């Protein structure tokens, strides 16, 4: 059976995290992970520490890019 609806998570609901390496792949910087690490070190990318590992918080990142809904 082929389900065409697929998996479509609501990233704005939060709880979606990726490793810095995976984030680098997603943004086209697979060969330059030091750039992503620099963004993390500067605080430009929201992260969470889970189980001793730093992960990029995709939900928080999307919220940062949303226009103010005042």
Protein backbone atom coordinates (compact mmCIF):
# COMPACT_ATOMS: atom_id res chain seq x y z
CA UNK A 1 0.00 0.00 0.00
CA UNK A 2 1.36 3.39 -0.97
CA UNK A 3 0.27 6.19 1.35
CA UNK A 4 0.61 9.46 -0.57
CA UNK A 5 -0.07 11.63 2.49
CA UNK A 6 3.34 10.84 3.98
CA UNK A 7 4.68 12.16 7.24
CA UNK A 8 4.28 15.88 7.67
CA UNK A 9 5.32 16.94 11.17
CA UNK A 10 4.28 20.30 12.53
CA UNK A 11 7.74 21.70 13.19
CA UNK A 12 6.29 24.77 14.87
CA UNK A 13 4.86 22.52 17.59
CA UNK A 14 8.44 21.92 18.70
CA UNK A 15 10.29 18.82 19.70
CA UNK A 16 12.14 18.29 16.43
CA UNK A 17 15.89 18.21 16.77
CA UNK A 18 18.77 17.29 14.47
CA UNK A 19 22.48 16.94 15.00
CA UNK A 20 24.68 19.80 13.82
CA UNK A 21 26.03 17.46 11.13
CA UNK A 22 22.52 16.71 9.84
CA UNK A 23 21.63 20.40 9.94
CA UNK A 24 24.73 21.14 7.86
CA UNK A 25 23.50 18.61 5.29
CA UNK A 26 20.01 20.13 5.26
CA UNK A 27 21.32 23.64 4.55
CA UNK A 28 23.83 22.54 1.93
CA UNK A 29 26.95 22.78 4.09
CA UNK A 30 27.75 19.09 4.41
CA UNK A 31 31.39 19.70 3.53
CA UNK A 32 31.65 22.76 5.82
CA UNK A 33 30.29 21.72 9.24
CA UNK A 34 32.58 24.26 10.94
CA UNK A 35 30.31 27.03 9.63
CA UNK A 36 27.30 25.48 11.37
CA UNK A 37 29.35 24.97 14.52
CA UNK A 38 30.28 28.66 14.41
CA UNK A 39 26.61 29.62 14.18
CA UNK A 40 25.91 27.40 17.19
CA UNK A 41 28.80 28.90 19.16
CA UNK A 42 27.54 32.42 18.37
CA UNK A 43 24.00 31.53 19.43
CA UNK A 44 22.62 32.25 15.97
CA UNK A 45 20.98 28.81 15.80
CA UNK A 46 18.76 27.64 18.67
CA UNK A 47 20.00 24.44 20.27
CA UNK A 48 19.09 22.12 23.11
CA UNK A 49 21.32 19.79 25.04
CA UNK A 50 19.72 16.35 25.24
CA UNK A 51 21.56 13.42 26.77
CA UNK A 52 24.80 15.36 26.71
CA UNK A 53 24.55 16.05 22.99
CA UNK A 54 23.94 19.46 21.42
CA UNK A 55 21.09 19.35 18.90
CA UNK A 56 19.65 22.02 16.63
CA UNK A 57 16.05 22.87 17.58
CA UNK A 58 14.23 23.07 14.25
CA UNK A 59 10.94 24.25 15.78
CA UNK A 60 12.61 27.17 17.55
CA UNK A 61 14.53 28.02 14.38
CA UNK A 62 11.30 28.20 12.38
CA UNK A 63 9.70 30.39 15.04
CA UNK A 64 12.66 32.78 14.74
CA UNK A 65 11.92 33.16 11.02
CA UNK A 66 8.20 33.86 11.43
CA UNK A 67 7.07 37.46 11.00
CA UNK A 68 5.66 39.08 14.11
CA UNK A 69 1.95 38.39 14.35
CA UNK A 70 1.08 41.54 16.31
